[in-house]
Protein backbone atom coordinates (compact mmCIF):
# COMPACT_ATOMS: atom_id res chain seq x y z
CA UNK A 1 -92.14 16.36 50.73
CA UNK A 2 -88.69 16.60 52.04
CA UNK A 3 -86.48 17.50 49.11
CA UNK A 4 -86.63 18.41 45.37
CA UNK A 5 -84.23 17.04 42.56
CA UNK A 6 -83.88 18.94 39.39
CA UNK A 7 -82.03 17.13 36.69
CA UNK A 8 -82.83 16.07 33.38
CA UNK A 9 -81.75 15.82 29.63
CA UNK A 10 -78.65 13.08 29.24
CA UNK A 11 -77.50 10.32 31.47
CA UNK A 12 -74.64 12.65 32.57
CA UNK A 13 -77.24 14.50 35.36
CA UNK A 14 -79.94 11.92 35.19
CA UNK A 15 -78.22 8.82 36.99
CA UNK A 16 -76.20 11.24 38.85
CA UNK A 17 -79.06 12.86 40.15
CA UNK A 18 -80.83 9.81 40.91
CA UNK A 19 -77.86 8.57 42.96
CA UNK A 20 -78.49 11.40 45.20
CA UNK A 21 -82.17 10.00 46.12
CA UNK A 22 -80.82 6.63 46.03
CA UNK A 23 -78.72 7.38 48.56
CA UNK A 24 -80.81 9.66 50.81
CA UNK A 25 -83.48 6.53 51.02
CA UNK A 26 -79.98 4.58 51.45
CA UNK A 27 -79.77 7.12 54.94
CA UNK A 28 -83.33 6.88 55.72
CA UNK A 29 -85.44 9.20 53.47
CA UNK A 30 -88.52 7.22 52.57
CA UNK A 31 -88.80 7.13 48.95
CA UNK A 32 -91.96 9.39 49.04
CA UNK A 33 -90.43 11.98 50.46
CA UNK A 34 -88.04 12.72 47.30
CA UNK A 35 -89.61 14.79 44.00
CA UNK A 36 -87.91 14.77 40.65
CA UNK A 37 -88.74 17.51 38.23
CA UNK A 38 -87.58 17.36 34.40
CA UNK A 39 -88.95 17.22 30.83
CA UNK A 40 -89.92 14.59 28.47
CA UNK A 41 -86.87 13.31 27.67
CA UNK A 42 -84.74 10.13 29.50
CA UNK A 43 -85.80 12.07 33.44
CA UNK A 44 -89.96 11.36 31.77
CA UNK A 45 -88.91 7.45 31.71
CA UNK A 46 -85.87 6.95 34.41
CA UNK A 47 -87.14 7.91 37.90
CA UNK A 48 -91.04 7.20 37.33
CA UNK A 49 -89.43 3.19 36.67
CA UNK A 50 -87.53 3.74 40.24
CA UNK A 51 -90.20 4.53 41.78
CA UNK A 52 -89.50 8.30 42.48
CA UNK A 53 -92.84 11.28 41.79
CA UNK A 54 -91.82 12.96 38.39
CA UNK A 55 -93.32 15.93 37.75
CA UNK A 56 -93.34 17.11 34.53
CA UNK A 57 -92.40 20.29 33.20
CA UNK A 58 -93.04 22.06 30.07
CA UNK A 59 -90.04 23.43 28.72
CA UNK A 60 -90.37 23.75 25.00
CA UNK A 61 -87.67 25.77 23.55
CA UNK A 62 -84.83 25.22 26.35
CA UNK A 63 -81.73 23.37 24.85
CA UNK A 64 -80.82 21.17 27.07
CA UNK A 65 -76.74 22.53 26.84
CA UNK A 66 -78.39 26.07 28.41
CA UNK A 67 -77.34 28.26 25.46
CA UNK A 68 -76.89 31.28 25.86
CA UNK A 69 -80.62 31.63 23.51
CA UNK A 70 -82.27 30.50 26.71
CA UNK A 71 -82.44 33.38 28.33
CA UNK A 72 -84.23 34.97 25.50
CA UNK A 73 -87.11 32.94 27.06
CA UNK A 74 -87.85 34.10 29.96
CA UNK A 75 -91.56 33.64 29.71
CA UNK A 76 -90.66 29.36 29.95
CA UNK A 77 -88.19 30.13 31.89
CA UNK A 78 -91.18 31.94 34.45
CA UNK A 79 -93.98 29.70 34.21
CA UNK A 80 -91.97 26.20 34.91
CA UNK A 81 -90.60 28.74 38.04
CA UNK A 82 -94.28 29.23 38.95
CA UNK A 83 -94.75 25.86 39.31
CA UNK A 84 -91.52 24.74 41.13
CA UNK A 85 -92.23 27.27 43.70
CA UNK A 86 -96.12 25.86 44.10
CA UNK A 87 -94.98 22.77 44.16
CA UNK A 88 -92.89 23.73 46.43
CA UNK A 89 -96.00 25.51 48.82
CA UNK A 90 -97.81 22.75 48.53
CA UNK A 91 -95.80 19.67 49.48
CA UNK A 92 -93.65 21.22 51.94
CA UNK A 93 -90.05 20.46 50.30
CA UNK A 94 -88.08 22.36 52.37
CA UNK A 95 -84.27 21.23 50.32
CA UNK A 96 -83.65 21.93 46.24
CA UNK A 97 -80.68 20.01 44.58
CA UNK A 98 -79.78 21.17 40.92
CA UNK A 99 -77.98 19.01 38.75
CA UNK A 100 -76.76 21.24 36.17
CA UNK A 101 -78.41 20.97 32.53
CA UNK A 102 -81.83 23.39 31.85
CA UNK A 103 -83.77 22.72 34.53
CA UNK A 104 -81.16 23.91 37.29
CA UNK A 105 -82.81 27.26 36.04
CA UNK A 106 -86.16 27.75 37.36
CA UNK A 107 -85.50 24.85 39.95
CA UNK A 108 -83.02 27.51 41.22
CA UNK A 109 -85.38 30.33 41.08
CA UNK A 110 -88.12 28.51 42.74
CA UNK A 111 -85.73 27.93 45.65
CA UNK A 112 -85.34 31.08 46.24
CA UNK A 113 -88.45 32.73 45.41
CA UNK A 114 -89.67 29.93 48.24
CA UNK A 115 -86.76 31.02 50.47
CA UNK A 116 -85.54 26.98 50.37
CA UNK A 117 -82.03 25.57 50.58
CA UNK A 118 -81.00 25.87 47.02
CA UNK A 119 -77.53 23.01 46.07
CA UNK A 120 -75.87 22.30 42.64
CA UNK A 121 -73.66 19.69 42.12
CA UNK A 122 -71.59 20.08 39.03
CA UNK A 123 -70.38 16.87 37.07
CA UNK A 124 -68.18 17.75 35.21
CA UNK A 125 -64.15 19.41 34.83
CA UNK A 126 -66.02 22.67 33.40
CA UNK A 127 -68.90 23.96 34.91
CA UNK A 128 -71.91 24.24 32.59
CA UNK A 129 -74.22 27.74 32.15
CA UNK A 130 -76.82 26.74 34.56
CA UNK A 131 -73.91 25.95 37.66
CA UNK A 132 -72.04 29.25 36.77
CA UNK A 133 -75.21 31.76 37.13
CA UNK A 134 -76.79 29.69 40.22
CA UNK A 135 -74.17 28.91 42.08
CA UNK A 136 -74.33 32.55 42.81
CA UNK A 137 -77.38 31.89 45.16
CA UNK A 138 -76.74 27.84 46.22
CA UNK A 139 -75.59 26.93 49.94
CA UNK A 140 -72.55 24.87 48.39
CA UNK A 141 -71.87 23.49 45.32
CA UNK A 142 -70.08 19.90 44.65
CA UNK A 143 -68.33 19.34 42.46
CA UNK A 144 -66.48 16.17 41.10
CA UNK A 145 -63.30 17.83 40.51
CA UNK A 146 -60.68 19.32 43.04
CA UNK A 147 -60.55 22.32 40.71
CA UNK A 148 -63.42 23.49 38.58
CA UNK A 149 -64.16 25.62 35.63
CA UNK A 150 -66.01 28.57 36.53
CA UNK A 151 -66.97 27.22 39.75
CA UNK A 152 -63.78 28.31 42.13
CA UNK A 153 -65.46 27.83 45.92
CA UNK A 154 -67.16 24.06 45.66
CA UNK A 155 -66.67 21.56 47.41
CA UNK A 156 -64.83 18.31 46.09
CA UNK A 157 -67.59 15.13 47.20
CA UNK A 158 -66.55 13.96 43.17
CA UNK A 159 -69.27 12.90 41.04
CA UNK A 160 -72.47 11.01 42.13
CA UNK A 161 -72.38 7.41 41.28
CA UNK A 162 -75.35 4.93 42.22
CA UNK A 163 -75.15 1.87 44.73
CA UNK A 164 -73.94 -0.73 42.72
CA UNK A 165 -70.89 1.34 42.06
CA UNK A 166 -70.63 2.99 45.79
CA UNK A 167 -68.66 -0.34 46.86
CA UNK A 168 -67.34 -1.96 43.86
CA UNK A 169 -65.57 -5.29 43.55
CA UNK A 170 -64.92 -6.51 40.88
CA UNK A 171 -63.67 -10.17 41.41
CA UNK A 172 -66.35 -10.93 43.17
CA UNK A 173 -68.85 -9.85 40.07
CA UNK A 174 -66.46 -11.23 37.38
CA UNK A 175 -68.34 -14.55 37.14
CA UNK A 176 -71.76 -12.97 36.42
CA UNK A 177 -70.53 -10.96 34.19
CA UNK A 178 -68.52 -13.05 32.07
CA UNK A 179 -71.20 -15.31 31.79
CA UNK A 180 -73.97 -12.14 31.53
CA UNK A 181 -72.12 -11.67 27.89
CA UNK A 182 -70.74 -15.24 27.33
CA UNK A 183 -67.60 -14.75 26.98
CA UNK A 184 -64.61 -16.43 28.71
CA UNK A 185 -62.17 -15.70 31.38
CA UNK A 186 -58.84 -16.29 29.42
CA UNK A 187 -58.74 -13.79 26.62
CA UNK A 188 -59.04 -10.12 27.85
CA UNK A 189 -62.33 -7.68 27.42
CA UNK A 190 -62.78 -4.09 25.74
CA UNK A 191 -65.95 -2.52 26.97
CA UNK A 192 -67.35 0.54 24.71
CA UNK A 193 -69.96 3.10 25.43
CA UNK A 194 -70.01 6.94 23.95
CA UNK A 195 -73.10 7.26 26.92
CA UNK A 196 -76.36 6.54 27.50
CA UNK A 197 -78.22 7.13 23.76
CA UNK A 198 -74.03 5.79 21.85
CA UNK A 199 -71.94 7.68 19.89
CA UNK A 200 -71.76 6.92 15.72
CA UNK A 201 -67.98 7.88 15.22
CA UNK A 202 -67.39 5.63 17.97
CA UNK A 203 -69.39 2.54 16.85
CA UNK A 204 -68.06 2.98 13.36
CA UNK A 205 -64.56 1.94 14.51
CA UNK A 206 -65.00 -0.45 17.07
CA UNK A 207 -66.59 -1.98 13.85
CA UNK A 208 -64.01 -1.32 12.01
CA UNK A 209 -61.53 -2.42 14.76
CA UNK A 210 -63.90 -5.87 15.38
CA UNK A 211 -63.42 -6.62 11.33
CA UNK A 212 -59.59 -6.07 10.45
CA UNK A 213 -58.57 -6.80 13.89
CA UNK A 214 -54.81 -9.31 13.28
CA UNK A 215 -53.75 -9.20 17.27
CA UNK A 216 -53.73 -11.73 19.98
CA UNK A 217 -57.47 -13.21 20.38
CA UNK A 218 -59.67 -10.29 22.12
CA UNK A 219 -63.38 -10.11 22.70
CA UNK A 220 -65.21 -6.92 23.23
CA UNK A 221 -68.44 -5.92 24.64
CA UNK A 222 -70.58 -3.36 22.80
CA UNK A 223 -73.21 -0.93 23.83
CA UNK A 224 -74.08 0.77 20.91
CA UNK A 225 -76.75 2.38 22.11
CA UNK A 226 -80.51 1.16 21.67
CA UNK A 227 -81.12 3.20 18.37
CA UNK A 228 -78.00 1.72 16.79
CA UNK A 229 -78.31 -1.51 17.68
CA UNK A 230 -79.87 -2.41 13.77
CA UNK A 231 -77.20 -0.89 12.29
CA UNK A 232 -74.55 -2.88 13.42
CA UNK A 233 -76.01 -6.93 15.14
CA UNK A 234 -75.34 -7.58 11.45
CA UNK A 235 -72.10 -6.83 10.47
CA UNK A 236 -68.63 -9.31 11.56
CA UNK A 237 -65.69 -9.90 13.22
CA UNK A 238 -62.49 -10.81 12.10
CA UNK A 239 -61.28 -14.57 13.69
CA UNK A 240 -59.94 -14.48 17.20
CA UNK A 241 -62.00 -11.82 18.26
CA UNK A 242 -65.39 -12.28 19.77
CA UNK A 243 -67.80 -9.28 19.87
CA UNK A 244 -71.58 -8.68 21.92
CA UNK A 245 -73.21 -5.71 20.85
CA UNK A 246 -75.95 -4.53 22.63
CA UNK A 247 -78.70 -1.23 22.59
CA UNK A 248 -77.96 -0.64 25.97
CA UNK A 249 -77.03 -1.91 29.36
CA UNK A 250 -78.88 -1.12 32.99
CA UNK A 251 -76.58 -3.50 35.12
CA UNK A 252 -73.48 -1.69 34.24
CA UNK A 253 -71.95 -2.57 36.93
CA UNK A 254 -71.35 -6.52 35.59
CA UNK A 255 -70.40 -3.90 32.56
CA UNK A 256 -67.38 -3.19 33.76
CA UNK A 257 -66.31 -5.82 35.92
CA UNK A 258 -66.46 -7.96 32.79
CA UNK A 259 -63.81 -5.61 31.38
CA UNK A 260 -60.36 -4.96 31.77
CA UNK A 261 -60.38 -1.45 29.36
CA UNK A 262 -62.72 0.84 28.26
CA UNK A 263 -63.56 2.69 25.30
CA UNK A 264 -65.46 5.93 26.44
CA UNK A 265 -66.96 9.67 26.29
CA UNK A 266 -65.60 11.17 28.45
CA UNK A 267 -68.97 12.82 30.09
CA UNK A 268 -70.80 11.15 33.16
CA UNK A 269 -68.68 7.70 31.92
CA UNK A 270 -65.83 8.62 34.46
CA UNK A 271 -67.42 8.74 37.06
CA UNK A 272 -67.63 5.13 36.89
CA UNK A 273 -64.73 4.69 35.63
CA UNK A 274 -63.66 5.62 39.28
CA UNK A 275 -65.48 4.82 41.22
CA UNK A 276 -64.42 0.80 39.47
CA UNK A 277 -60.72 1.22 39.28
CA UNK A 278 -61.35 0.38 35.51
CA UNK A 279 -58.47 1.79 32.66
CA UNK A 280 -59.85 3.66 30.12
CA UNK A 281 -58.97 5.43 26.79
CA UNK A 282 -61.48 8.46 26.41
CA UNK A 283 -62.42 9.62 23.20
CA UNK A 284 -63.91 13.62 24.33
CA UNK A 285 -66.70 14.87 22.79
CA UNK A 286 -66.83 18.52 22.02
CA UNK A 287 -70.37 19.56 22.98
CA UNK A 288 -71.02 20.51 26.00
CA UNK A 289 -69.92 23.12 28.05
CA UNK A 290 -67.07 24.21 28.25
CA UNK A 291 -65.34 21.44 26.36
CA UNK A 292 -65.90 19.86 29.44
CA UNK A 293 -65.18 16.15 28.00
CA UNK A 294 -61.73 17.44 27.69
CA UNK A 295 -60.89 18.93 31.39
CA UNK A 296 -62.43 15.45 32.51
CA UNK A 297 -60.46 13.22 30.26
CA UNK A 298 -57.36 15.68 30.87
CA UNK A 299 -57.96 15.21 34.78
CA UNK A 300 -58.53 11.12 34.51
CA UNK A 301 -54.57 11.55 31.58
CA UNK A 302 -52.62 13.75 34.47
CA UNK A 303 -54.10 11.41 37.25
CA UNK A 304 -51.99 8.49 35.32
CA UNK A 305 -55.69 7.15 34.94
CA UNK A 306 -56.37 7.31 31.29
CA UNK A 307 -55.24 7.44 27.95
CA UNK A 308 -56.79 10.23 26.11
CA UNK A 309 -57.53 9.79 22.22
CA UNK A 310 -59.02 12.61 20.45
CA UNK A 311 -61.81 12.03 17.87
CA UNK A 312 -59.99 13.45 14.88
CA UNK A 313 -57.24 10.28 15.86
CA UNK A 314 -59.54 7.89 16.11
CA UNK A 315 -58.32 5.59 13.65
CA UNK A 316 -55.47 4.97 16.20
CA UNK A 317 -57.84 3.17 18.70
CA UNK A 318 -56.80 -0.44 17.11
CA UNK A 319 -52.40 0.07 18.37
CA UNK A 320 -53.32 2.43 21.03
CA UNK A 321 -56.14 -0.72 22.54
CA UNK A 322 -53.17 -3.29 21.27
CA UNK A 323 -50.70 -1.43 23.53
CA UNK A 324 -52.97 -1.50 26.61
CA UNK A 325 -53.48 -5.40 26.41
CA UNK A 326 -50.31 -5.96 25.50
CA UNK A 327 -49.43 -4.58 28.94
CA UNK A 328 -50.94 -5.69 32.28
CA UNK A 329 -48.39 -3.35 34.46
CA UNK A 330 -49.79 -0.38 32.83
CA UNK A 331 -53.63 -1.32 33.45
CA UNK A 332 -52.88 -1.90 36.70
CA UNK A 333 -51.34 1.01 37.39
CA UNK A 334 -53.86 2.66 35.76
CA UNK A 335 -56.30 1.49 37.86
CA UNK A 336 -54.54 2.04 40.97
CA UNK A 337 -54.34 5.91 39.81
CA UNK A 338 -57.91 5.46 39.87
CA UNK A 339 -57.94 4.37 42.73
CA UNK A 340 -56.38 7.48 44.13
CA UNK A 341 -58.70 10.08 42.70
CA UNK A 342 -62.30 7.50 42.97
CA UNK A 343 -65.44 9.18 45.38
CA UNK A 344 -68.04 6.42 45.10
CA UNK A 345 -68.83 8.06 48.42
CA UNK A 346 -70.11 11.30 46.26
CA UNK A 347 -73.87 10.71 46.32
CA UNK A 348 -74.13 9.56 49.67
CA UNK A 349 -72.11 12.89 51.22
CA UNK A 350 -74.64 14.94 48.84
CA UNK A 351 -77.63 13.80 50.88
CA UNK A 352 -75.84 14.66 53.93
CA UNK A 353 -75.88 17.27 53.24
CA UNK A 354 -79.26 17.74 52.36
CA UNK A 355 -80.49 15.84 55.32
CA UNK A 356 -78.61 18.61 57.30
CA UNK A 357 -80.52 21.83 55.62
CA UNK A 358 -83.69 20.42 55.48
CA UNK A 359 -83.63 19.93 59.74
C-alpha cells in the first residue's frame, strides 16, 4: 500500500477524494495501492463500489463539520489516530492526503506520528476548521480558489473532479444525455440539484415553478435526492413543462451535457459547473464552515460565470431562470467565463505531487 486518502461525510469531500484516487490509477498506480479511510456515511458505500480498499473508523461523536465541540473529544480523535498509524505501519503507506472534514484531523496526526508526508486539499473558498488546523503539518495545501480564506499559502490547483469531467465535451454527449431523460433538442433544459442528498427548499421552489410556469416551453431535469423522490414524483407540471425527477444520478456528466442552465447549491457543485462550462444559478446554503458556500458562489459571480440567488429570495427563481433562458448570448458569456476559471486537471495535479512525495 502506498497512498492513503482521508475523505468522508458528504459528496463535497467524498467525490473529490475519489477523483484523486482515480487520477492516481490513471497515472499508473495500481488500484490496490490506494486506501481510503472514513466513517459510516457515503464513503462506506462509494469507495468499495469503485473497487478501492476502505478502512472504516469508529468516529462516533465527531460532527461532520468538525465544530469546535469536537475538540472536546480527544479520546475519539486519538483512538482514530492510533488505528490509522497502525495501518500506515502495517501496509507501508508512504503519503497521506486529507480532503477536509472530520476524518482529516486523525489522519494528519497519524501521518505526523508516522513521519510520512501529509497533504491536505480544501474544496471551498473559506477553509474548514480541519484544514486550517492541519495545514501547519502539510507538505503542501491544495486549494480550489485563487484566494481561500484561512489558507493564505495554498496552491491553487482547483477542486478535483472525476474522469468524465477531465475532458468534458457537451456536444458529443448531448444526444445521449437528451435520450437518457427523454428530452427534446428543441426546448431549453434546466438542471436542478441540491447536493448528494438533495435540498428541500430548492425542491419545493422548483416544484412550484414547474407547476405554475407560464413562459415558453421548458424542460427540467430535477435531482431531488433519494429520500425526497416519493414526495415529488406524483406532482404535476404546467402545460409546456417537461419535468423529469430523479432520486440520484450516477452519470453526472450526462446531466450537465443535457442542461443549458443549472440551479444548484454552491458546495462541491461549483467544480462540475466550471469543468463543464455550464451557466448556473447558485443558491448558497447557510451552513458549513464559515459560510463557505457564500464564498464559492461569490467567486463564480465575480467571474461572470453564475447568478447568485439568496435562499431568502428563492421565490424569485422563476424570474431568474426565465431571463437566462431568454438570453442565449448571456449564457454563452457565462459559459466562457467558467472556462477561464476551470481547473479540470486538479485531480491529476494533486496525484502527481503525491507520487513525487512517495518516491
